Every structure is written in C-alpha cells, then in structure tokens.
Amino acid sequence: MDMIYTIGPSVMAAITVLIIATYTWNTMRSASIVVMVWGVLAITIGQISFFTGLTEWQASDWIGFLLFGVLTFTPAGLLLVTARRMQSLKHLMAQTPTSVLVMTQVYRFGGVFLIMAYARGQLPLAVGLVTGVVDLVVATTALALSVYLRCNETRAPMLVIAWAMLAIADFVWAVSLITVSFLGVIQLTPAPVMMGNAPLLVISLFAVPFGIFVSVYVVARMWTIAGRTDSSRSC
C-alpha cells in the first residue's frame, strides 16, 4: 500500500497525459507535445515538497505557498485564454465531443489517494476524505455521463452543467480550505500541508488545473447549447 500511495498519483498523471497526447497527436501535434511536456514537468516537480512541515504550517512556508498557487492556477488560466484566442486550439476544442471532454475526468478516481492520505493522518477529514469521496463521485458519474452523451452530444445540457459545476465546486472547496488554513482563519488538524508535498503535489500541478479547464469549458459549451434549445422552443 505504501508503494501505491507513493507512486500512484504520478502513474495516474502519466497515464492521463499519454491518453490525451495520443488523442490529439494527429489533429494538433503541438498540443500533444505541450501536454506531454506539462505532464513531465508536473510529475518531476511533484516529487519535491513545497512545505517544510508534515502536519502543520511553518512560518517559512510563504514562498512555497505562493509558488504552489502560481503553478496550480496559471496553467488553467493559460489554457482557458488560449482556447479562446488561438484558432488552432479553438478548432481542436470545438471538434472534441463533449463525451470525450467529460471522460477525461475519469482520472479523478485519483481521489483515492487523498482518502489514503487521510487514513494515514496526513490530511484533515474536510480535505482528504470529503474531497477524495467527491472526486470518486465525479469520476464515476463522468463514466456514466460520457456513455449517455455518446448517442447525442448535445442532450441534457443542464445535467452536464450540473456535473461540471460539482467538479469545479470540489476544487474550490479544497483550495479554499487550504488557503484559509494557511492564513490561520481556521484550524485544521492535520493542516493540509501534504497537498503541496510529494506524492500528492502532482495532483495539484496537473489534475487540478486540467480539471478546472475542462469543467469551465464544458459549462460554457453546454450553456450555449441550452440557450439555443430554449430559443428554438420559444419559436
């Protein structure tokens, strides 16, 4: 179990990267290469620790916390902006079925590693157990929803939006707790220090930003589809 916990997040990230890179290789090779480079960097950096403590925050963790925030959210922001402004990526995303985008979130079965960290006393219940369980729910429903959408990619837009919002809310919950805990607004025992340390750091560096990007993109797409559906009904 120790080995599974130690290498599991990196293996999960590597598998996800390879699948995405393979899928995009023939349609947009540059995107495939970027994903592979990002994955390698996330896995490599994910082997270090940003925070010095194991169960509580240290006064010296400010630099690590700022770096953690930048590396977690900058990729998501860059992806969202690029997907709107770069014509080739915009075209790639437009041609990618919603069912495929939803299916990418199956990697959130990696929430089991958060539950393992909670069981080992390395994460508080609110982050380890709660977030881990919601991750498993998101991953399981991603499978079912992806199959459901295969017959009609534009069906049940509000259901897809609800799923994506749950996926986003899960990230917001975890990140908010980490932030307010670090700032001393609330006291969590143990402090969620391990989210910025190996082996869980790779989740924050790849799974979180990629998940935010996909979920926000899916919400925007399905919201547009829902609007068109309402307009056609009114006519």
C-alpha atoms as a PDB file:
ATOM      1  CA  MET A   1       0.000   0.000   0.000  1.00  0.00           C
ATOM      2  CA  ASP A   2       2.901   2.364   0.715  1.00  0.00           C
ATOM      3  CA  MET A   3       4.204   1.948  -2.832  1.00  0.00           C
ATOM      4  CA  ILE A   4       0.735   2.505  -4.320  1.00  0.00           C
ATOM      5  CA  TYR A   5       0.372   5.712  -2.318  1.00  0.00           C
ATOM      6  CA  THR A   6       3.888   6.878  -3.197  1.00  0.00           C
ATOM      7  CA  ILE A   7       3.819   6.334  -6.961  1.00  0.00           C
ATOM      8  CA  GLY A   8       0.073   6.221  -7.618  1.00  0.00           C
ATOM      9  CA  PRO A   9      -0.541   9.948  -8.268  1.00  0.00           C
ATOM     10  CA  SER A  10       2.388  10.148 -10.692  1.00  0.00           C
ATOM     11  CA  VAL A  11       1.330   6.984 -12.516  1.00  0.00           C
ATOM     12  CA  MET A  12      -2.234   8.301 -12.802  1.00  0.00           C
ATOM     13  CA  ALA A  13      -0.930  11.591 -14.215  1.00  0.00           C
ATOM     14  CA  ALA A  14       1.355   9.793 -16.684  1.00  0.00           C
ATOM     15  CA  ILE A  15      -1.479   7.604 -17.984  1.00  0.00           C
ATOM     16  CA  THR A  16      -3.766  10.617 -18.381  1.00  0.00           C
ATOM     17  CA  VAL A  17      -1.083  12.589 -20.227  1.00  0.00           C
ATOM     18  CA  LEU A  18      -0.366   9.706 -22.620  1.00  0.00           C
ATOM     19  CA  ILE A  19      -4.053   9.240 -23.439  1.00  0.00           C
ATOM     20  CA  ILE A  20      -4.596  12.953 -24.107  1.00  0.00           C
ATOM     21  CA  ALA A  21      -1.378  13.236 -26.123  1.00  0.00           C
ATOM     22  CA  THR A  22      -2.323  10.216 -28.221  1.00  0.00           C
ATOM     23  CA  TYR A  23      -5.819  11.572 -28.860  1.00  0.00           C
ATOM     24  CA  THR A  24      -4.541  14.968 -30.040  1.00  0.00           C
ATOM     25  CA  TRP A  25      -1.441  13.746 -31.901  1.00  0.00           C
ATOM     26  CA  ASN A  26      -2.997  13.578 -35.378  1.00  0.00           C
ATOM     27  CA  THR A  27      -5.240  16.631 -35.053  1.00  0.00           C
ATOM     28  CA  MET A  28      -2.915  19.101 -33.311  1.00  0.00           C
ATOM     29  CA  ARG A  29       0.562  17.776 -32.705  1.00  0.00           C
ATOM     30  CA  SER A  30       1.749  20.921 -30.933  1.00  0.00           C
ATOM     31  CA  ALA A  31      -0.995  20.485 -28.306  1.00  0.00           C
ATOM     32  CA  SER A  32       0.057  16.877 -27.848  1.00  0.00           C
ATOM     33  CA  ILE A  33       3.669  17.919 -27.253  1.00  0.00           C
ATOM     34  CA  VAL A  34       2.666  20.690 -24.833  1.00  0.00           C
ATOM     35  CA  VAL A  35       0.573  18.236 -22.811  1.00  0.00           C
ATOM     36  CA  MET A  36       3.477  15.790 -22.635  1.00  0.00           C
ATOM     37  CA  VAL A  37       5.932  18.500 -21.557  1.00  0.00           C
ATOM     38  CA  TRP A  38       3.460  19.769 -18.965  1.00  0.00           C
ATOM     39  CA  GLY A  39       2.941  16.249 -17.679  1.00  0.00           C
ATOM     40  CA  VAL A  40       6.666  15.568 -17.387  1.00  0.00           C
ATOM     41  CA  LEU A  41       7.233  18.856 -15.550  1.00  0.00           C
ATOM     42  CA  ALA A  42       4.290  18.227 -13.207  1.00  0.00           C
ATOM     43  CA  ILE A  43       5.489  14.723 -12.375  1.00  0.00           C
ATOM     44  CA  THR A  44       9.099  15.875 -11.929  1.00  0.00           C
ATOM     45  CA  ILE A  45       8.271  18.893  -9.755  1.00  0.00           C
ATOM     46  CA  GLY A  46       5.705  16.757  -7.966  1.00  0.00           C
ATOM     47  CA  GLN A  47       8.468  14.703  -6.401  1.00  0.00           C
ATOM     48  CA  ILE A  48       9.608  17.606  -4.226  1.00  0.00           C
ATOM     49  CA  SER A  49       7.938  19.300  -1.279  1.00  0.00           C
ATOM     50  CA  PHE A  50       6.899  22.956  -1.158  1.00  0.00           C
ATOM     51  CA  PHE A  51       6.256  22.946   2.576  1.00  0.00           C
ATOM     52  CA  THR A  52       8.639  22.029   5.380  1.00  0.00           C
ATOM     53  CA  GLY A  53       6.131  20.653   7.880  1.00  0.00           C
ATOM     54  CA  LEU A  54       4.148  17.427   7.750  1.00  0.00           C
ATOM     55  CA  THR A  55       1.114  18.161   9.901  1.00  0.00           C
ATOM     56  CA  GLU A  56       1.175  21.932  10.429  1.00  0.00           C
ATOM     57  CA  TRP A  57       2.124  25.103   8.600  1.00  0.00           C
ATOM     58  CA  GLN A  58       5.508  26.688   9.218  1.00  0.00           C
ATOM     59  CA  ALA A  59       6.418  30.385   9.165  1.00  0.00           C
ATOM     60  CA  SER A  60       8.778  29.687   6.263  1.00  0.00           C
ATOM     61  CA  ASP A  61       6.011  28.247   4.044  1.00  0.00           C
ATOM     62  CA  TRP A  62       5.049  31.588   2.444  1.00  0.00           C
ATOM     63  CA  ILE A  63       7.306  31.176  -0.579  1.00  0.00           C
ATOM     64  CA  GLY A  64       6.157  27.607  -1.104  1.00  0.00           C
ATOM     65  CA  PHE A  65       2.515  28.647  -0.774  1.00  0.00           C
ATOM     66  CA  LEU A  66       2.855  31.400  -3.387  1.00  0.00           C
ATOM     67  CA  LEU A  67       4.694  29.060  -5.755  1.00  0.00           C
ATOM     68  CA  PHE A  68       2.065  26.392  -5.140  1.00  0.00           C
ATOM     69  CA  GLY A  69      -0.690  28.834  -6.095  1.00  0.00           C
ATOM     70  CA  VAL A  70       1.050  30.042  -9.241  1.00  0.00           C
ATOM     71  CA  LEU A  71       1.831  26.544 -10.525  1.00  0.00           C
ATOM     72  CA  THR A  72      -1.669  25.302  -9.737  1.00  0.00           C
ATOM     73  CA  PHE A  73      -3.772  28.057 -11.309  1.00  0.00           C
ATOM     74  CA  THR A  74      -1.601  29.593 -14.039  1.00  0.00           C
ATOM     75  CA  PRO A  75      -1.904  26.555 -16.365  1.00  0.00           C
ATOM     76  CA  ALA A  76      -5.707  26.604 -16.054  1.00  0.00           C
ATOM     77  CA  GLY A  77      -5.837  30.316 -16.863  1.00  0.00           C
ATOM     78  CA  LEU A  78      -3.469  29.966 -19.810  1.00  0.00           C
ATOM     79  CA  LEU A  79      -5.477  27.069 -21.226  1.00  0.00           C
ATOM     80  CA  LEU A  80      -8.762  28.953 -20.971  1.00  0.00           C
ATOM     81  CA  VAL A  81      -7.350  32.085 -22.616  1.00  0.00           C
ATOM     82  CA  THR A  82      -5.532  30.137 -25.336  1.00  0.00           C
ATOM     83  CA  ALA A  83      -8.602  28.023 -26.104  1.00  0.00           C
ATOM     84  CA  ARG A  84     -10.483  31.247 -26.874  1.00  0.00           C
ATOM     85  CA  ARG A  85      -7.783  33.107 -28.796  1.00  0.00           C
ATOM     86  CA  MET A  86      -5.619  30.546 -30.595  1.00  0.00           C
ATOM     87  CA  GLN A  87      -7.550  29.464 -33.675  1.00  0.00           C
ATOM     88  CA  SER A  88      -5.976  26.008 -33.936  1.00  0.00           C
ATOM     89  CA  LEU A  89      -6.700  25.126 -30.292  1.00  0.00           C
ATOM     90  CA  LYS A  90     -10.140  26.703 -30.540  1.00  0.00           C
ATOM     91  CA  HIS A  91     -10.853  24.449 -33.519  1.00  0.00           C
ATOM     92  CA  LEU A  92      -9.492  21.383 -31.713  1.00  0.00           C
ATOM     93  CA  MET A  93     -11.700  22.002 -28.694  1.00  0.00           C
ATOM     94  CA  ALA A  94     -14.735  22.651 -30.896  1.00  0.00           C
ATOM     95  CA  GLN A  95     -14.169  19.340 -32.677  1.00  0.00           C
ATOM     96  CA  THR A  96     -13.746  17.394 -29.431  1.00  0.00           C
ATOM     97  CA  PRO A  97     -17.054  15.745 -28.436  1.00  0.00           C
ATOM     98  CA  THR A  98     -18.467  16.673 -25.052  1.00  0.00           C
ATOM     99  CA  SER A  99     -18.470  12.991 -24.134  1.00  0.00           C
ATOM    100  CA  VAL A 100     -14.696  12.892 -24.623  1.00  0.00           C
ATOM    101  CA  LEU A 101     -14.162  16.010 -22.519  1.00  0.00           C
ATOM    102  CA  VAL A 102     -16.294  14.522 -19.752  1.00  0.00           C
ATOM    103  CA  MET A 103     -14.443  11.210 -19.999  1.00  0.00           C
ATOM    104  CA  THR A 104     -11.117  12.942 -19.294  1.00  0.00           C
ATOM    105  CA  GLN A 105     -12.273  13.463 -15.719  1.00  0.00           C
ATOM    106  CA  VAL A 106     -12.202   9.736 -15.058  1.00  0.00           C
ATOM    107  CA  TYR A 107      -8.669  10.368 -13.788  1.00  0.00           C
ATOM    108  CA  ARG A 108     -10.314  11.779 -10.688  1.00  0.00           C
ATOM    109  CA  PHE A 109     -10.500   8.253  -9.397  1.00  0.00           C
ATOM    110  CA  GLY A 110      -7.157   9.504  -8.105  1.00  0.00           C
ATOM    111  CA  GLY A 111      -9.205  10.876  -5.221  1.00  0.00           C
ATOM    112  CA  VAL A 112      -8.495   7.524  -3.624  1.00  0.00           C
ATOM    113  CA  PHE A 113      -5.000   8.836  -2.867  1.00  0.00           C
ATOM    114  CA  LEU A 114      -6.494  11.717  -0.875  1.00  0.00           C
ATOM    115  CA  ILE A 115      -8.526   9.204   1.103  1.00  0.00           C
ATOM    116  CA  MET A 116      -5.363   7.178   1.692  1.00  0.00           C
ATOM    117  CA  ALA A 117      -3.606  10.327   2.929  1.00  0.00           C
ATOM    118  CA  TYR A 118      -6.495  10.957   5.321  1.00  0.00           C
ATOM    119  CA  ALA A 119      -6.293   7.373   6.577  1.00  0.00           C
ATOM    120  CA  ARG A 120      -2.564   7.872   7.182  1.00  0.00           C
ATOM    121  CA  GLY A 121      -3.230  11.001   9.241  1.00  0.00           C
ATOM    122  CA  GLN A 122      -1.662  13.282   6.617  1.00  0.00           C
ATOM    123  CA  LEU A 123      -4.777  15.203   5.556  1.00  0.00           C
ATOM    124  CA  PRO A 124      -7.750  16.503   7.563  1.00  0.00           C
ATOM    125  CA  LEU A 125     -11.189  14.981   7.042  1.00  0.00           C
ATOM    126  CA  ALA A 126     -12.502  18.058   5.207  1.00  0.00           C
ATOM    127  CA  VAL A 127      -9.779  17.822   2.560  1.00  0.00           C
ATOM    128  CA  GLY A 128      -8.723  14.187   2.463  1.00  0.00           C
ATOM    129  CA  LEU A 129     -11.967  12.299   2.965  1.00  0.00           C
ATOM    130  CA  VAL A 130     -14.553  14.801   1.695  1.00  0.00           C
ATOM    131  CA  THR A 131     -12.624  15.901  -1.392  1.00  0.00           C
ATOM    132  CA  GLY A 132     -11.492  12.354  -2.085  1.00  0.00           C
ATOM    133  CA  VAL A 133     -15.043  10.999  -1.985  1.00  0.00           C
ATOM    134  CA  VAL A 134     -16.361  13.809  -4.202  1.00  0.00           C
ATOM    135  CA  ASP A 135     -13.531  13.078  -6.649  1.00  0.00           C
ATOM    136  CA  LEU A 136     -14.695   9.469  -6.834  1.00  0.00           C
ATOM    137  CA  VAL A 137     -18.274  10.627  -7.409  1.00  0.00           C
ATOM    138  CA  VAL A 138     -17.141  12.965 -10.204  1.00  0.00           C
ATOM    139  CA  ALA A 139     -15.101  10.189 -11.835  1.00  0.00           C
ATOM    140  CA  THR A 140     -17.889   7.606 -11.594  1.00  0.00           C
ATOM    141  CA  THR A 141     -20.529   9.965 -12.971  1.00  0.00           C
ATOM    142  CA  ALA A 142     -18.096  11.036 -15.710  1.00  0.00           C
ATOM    143  CA  LEU A 143     -18.104   7.447 -16.964  1.00  0.00           C
ATOM    144  CA  ALA A 144     -21.891   7.208 -16.931  1.00  0.00           C
ATOM    145  CA  LEU A 145     -22.416  10.679 -18.398  1.00  0.00           C
ATOM    146  CA  SER A 146     -19.900  10.090 -21.173  1.00  0.00           C
ATOM    147  CA  VAL A 147     -21.705   6.924 -22.270  1.00  0.00           C
ATOM    148  CA  TYR A 148     -25.046   8.732 -22.063  1.00  0.00           C
ATOM    149  CA  LEU A 149     -23.802  11.547 -24.305  1.00  0.00           C
ATOM    150  CA  ARG A 150     -22.388   9.282 -26.997  1.00  0.00           C
ATOM    151  CA  CYS A 151     -25.771   8.949 -28.715  1.00  0.00           C
ATOM    152  CA  ASN A 152     -26.394  12.699 -28.701  1.00  0.00           C
ATOM    153  CA  GLU A 153     -23.590  15.067 -27.723  1.00  0.00           C
ATOM    154  CA  THR A 154     -25.960  17.976 -27.111  1.00  0.00           C
ATOM    155  CA  ARG A 155     -28.510  16.210 -24.939  1.00  0.00           C
ATOM    156  CA  ALA A 156     -29.309  17.160 -21.333  1.00  0.00           C
ATOM    157  CA  PRO A 157     -27.115  20.301 -21.247  1.00  0.00           C
ATOM    158  CA  MET A 158     -28.272  21.277 -17.760  1.00  0.00           C
ATOM    159  CA  LEU A 159     -27.350  17.830 -16.429  1.00  0.00           C
ATOM    160  CA  VAL A 160     -23.861  18.168 -17.893  1.00  0.00           C
ATOM    161  CA  ILE A 161     -23.555  21.673 -16.450  1.00  0.00           C
ATOM    162  CA  ALA A 162     -24.583  20.374 -13.016  1.00  0.00           C
ATOM    163  CA  TRP A 163     -21.916  17.668 -13.251  1.00  0.00           C
ATOM    164  CA  ALA A 164     -19.232  20.170 -14.295  1.00  0.00           C
ATOM    165  CA  MET A 165     -20.231  22.557 -11.513  1.00  0.00           C
ATOM    166  CA  LEU A 166     -19.840  19.745  -8.980  1.00  0.00           C
ATOM    167  CA  ALA A 167     -16.374  19.091 -10.393  1.00  0.00           C
ATOM    168  CA  ILE A 168     -15.476  22.778 -10.055  1.00  0.00           C
ATOM    169  CA  ALA A 169     -17.009  23.052  -6.573  1.00  0.00           C
ATOM    170  CA  ASP A 170     -14.814  20.174  -5.435  1.00  0.00           C
ATOM    171  CA  PHE A 171     -11.695  22.092  -6.462  1.00  0.00           C
ATOM    172  CA  VAL A 172     -12.973  25.331  -4.925  1.00  0.00           C
ATOM    173  CA  TRP A 173     -13.713  23.534  -1.650  1.00  0.00           C
ATOM    174  CA  ALA A 174     -10.245  22.014  -1.374  1.00  0.00           C
ATOM    175  CA  VAL A 175      -8.349  25.124  -2.468  1.00  0.00           C
ATOM    176  CA  SER A 176     -10.400  27.373  -0.184  1.00  0.00           C
ATOM    177  CA  LEU A 177      -9.727  25.168   2.820  1.00  0.00           C
ATOM    178  CA  ILE A 178      -6.015  25.027   2.059  1.00  0.00           C
ATOM    179  CA  THR A 179      -5.897  28.821   1.723  1.00  0.00           C
ATOM    180  CA  VAL A 180      -7.865  29.745   4.858  1.00  0.00           C
ATOM    181  CA  SER A 181      -5.976  27.106   6.806  1.00  0.00           C
ATOM    182  CA  PHE A 182      -2.645  28.563   5.700  1.00  0.00           C
ATOM    183  CA  LEU A 183      -3.800  32.094   6.552  1.00  0.00           C
ATOM    184  CA  GLY A 184      -4.836  30.923  10.009  1.00  0.00           C
ATOM    185  CA  VAL A 185      -8.529  31.728   9.534  1.00  0.00           C
ATOM    186  CA  ILE A 186      -9.475  28.189  10.512  1.00  0.00           C
ATOM    187  CA  GLN A 187      -7.588  25.432  12.270  1.00  0.00           C
ATOM    188  CA  LEU A 188      -7.424  22.062  10.530  1.00  0.00           C
ATOM    189  CA  THR A 189      -5.745  19.073  12.128  1.00  0.00           C
ATOM    190  CA  PRO A 190      -3.588  17.998  10.497  1.00  0.00           C
ATOM    191  CA  ALA A 191      -3.070  21.027   8.286  1.00  0.00           C
ATOM    192  CA  PRO A 192      -3.450  20.187   4.558  1.00  0.00           C
ATOM    193  CA  VAL A 193       0.289  20.585   4.082  1.00  0.00           C
ATOM    194  CA  MET A 194       0.599  17.370   2.079  1.00  0.00           C
ATOM    195  CA  MET A 195      -1.328  18.822  -0.869  1.00  0.00           C
ATOM    196  CA  GLY A 196       1.841  20.776  -1.611  1.00  0.00           C
ATOM    197  CA  ASN A 197       4.240  17.925  -0.907  1.00  0.00           C
ATOM    198  CA  ALA A 198       5.114  14.661  -2.638  1.00  0.00           C
ATOM    199  CA  PRO A 199       3.420  12.407  -3.563  1.00  0.00           C
ATOM    200  CA  LEU A 200       0.171  14.438  -3.704  1.00  0.00           C
ATOM    201  CA  LEU A 201       1.725  17.568  -5.218  1.00  0.00           C
ATOM    202  CA  VAL A 202       1.388  16.189  -8.754  1.00  0.00           C
ATOM    203  CA  ILE A 203      -2.404  16.228  -8.275  1.00  0.00           C
ATOM    204  CA  SER A 204      -2.266  19.965  -7.616  1.00  0.00           C
ATOM    205  CA  LEU A 205       0.116  20.613 -10.513  1.00  0.00           C
ATOM    206  CA  PHE A 206      -1.721  18.669 -13.222  1.00  0.00           C
ATOM    207  CA  ALA A 207      -5.083  17.214 -12.188  1.00  0.00           C
ATOM    208  CA  VAL A 208      -6.431  20.412 -10.628  1.00  0.00           C
ATOM    209  CA  PRO A 209      -5.606  22.909 -13.425  1.00  0.00           C
ATOM    210  CA  PHE A 210      -6.585  20.486 -16.190  1.00  0.00           C
ATOM    211  CA  GLY A 211      -9.814  19.642 -14.393  1.00  0.00           C
ATOM    212  CA  ILE A 212     -10.663  23.326 -13.949  1.00  0.00           C
ATOM    213  CA  PHE A 213     -10.031  23.986 -17.644  1.00  0.00           C
ATOM    214  CA  VAL A 214     -12.175  21.085 -18.858  1.00  0.00           C
ATOM    215  CA  SER A 215     -15.016  21.780 -16.430  1.00  0.00           C
ATOM    216  CA  VAL A 216     -15.208  25.513 -17.214  1.00  0.00           C
ATOM    217  CA  TYR A 217     -15.054  24.800 -20.951  1.00  0.00           C
ATOM    218  CA  VAL A 218     -17.830  22.210 -20.686  1.00  0.00           C
ATOM    219  CA  VAL A 219     -20.025  24.622 -18.706  1.00  0.00           C
ATOM    220  CA  ALA A 220     -19.541  27.344 -21.349  1.00  0.00           C
ATOM    221  CA  ARG A 221     -20.283  24.958 -24.216  1.00  0.00           C
ATOM    222  CA  MET A 222     -23.379  23.400 -22.672  1.00  0.00           C
ATOM    223  CA  TRP A 223     -24.691  26.778 -21.517  1.00  0.00           C
ATOM    224  CA  THR A 224     -24.615  27.924 -25.138  1.00  0.00           C
ATOM    225  CA  ILE A 225     -26.383  24.745 -26.230  1.00  0.00           C
ATOM    226  CA  ALA A 226     -29.001  25.183 -23.514  1.00  0.00           C
ATOM    227  CA  GLY A 227     -29.613  28.745 -24.710  1.00  0.00           C
ATOM    228  CA  ARG A 228     -30.112  27.571 -28.289  1.00  0.00           C
ATOM    229  CA  THR A 229     -32.510  24.877 -27.120  1.00  0.00           C
ATOM    230  CA  ASP A 230     -34.590  27.398 -25.185  1.00  0.00           C
ATOM    231  CA  SER A 231     -34.654  29.741 -28.185  1.00  0.00           C
ATOM    232  CA  SER A 232     -35.819  27.006 -30.548  1.00  0.00           C
ATOM    233  CA  ARG A 233     -38.580  26.009 -28.151  1.00  0.00           C
ATOM    234  CA  SER A 234     -39.819  29.587 -27.858  1.00  0.00           C
ATOM    235  CA  CYS A 235     -40.035  29.808 -31.625  1.00  0.00           C
END
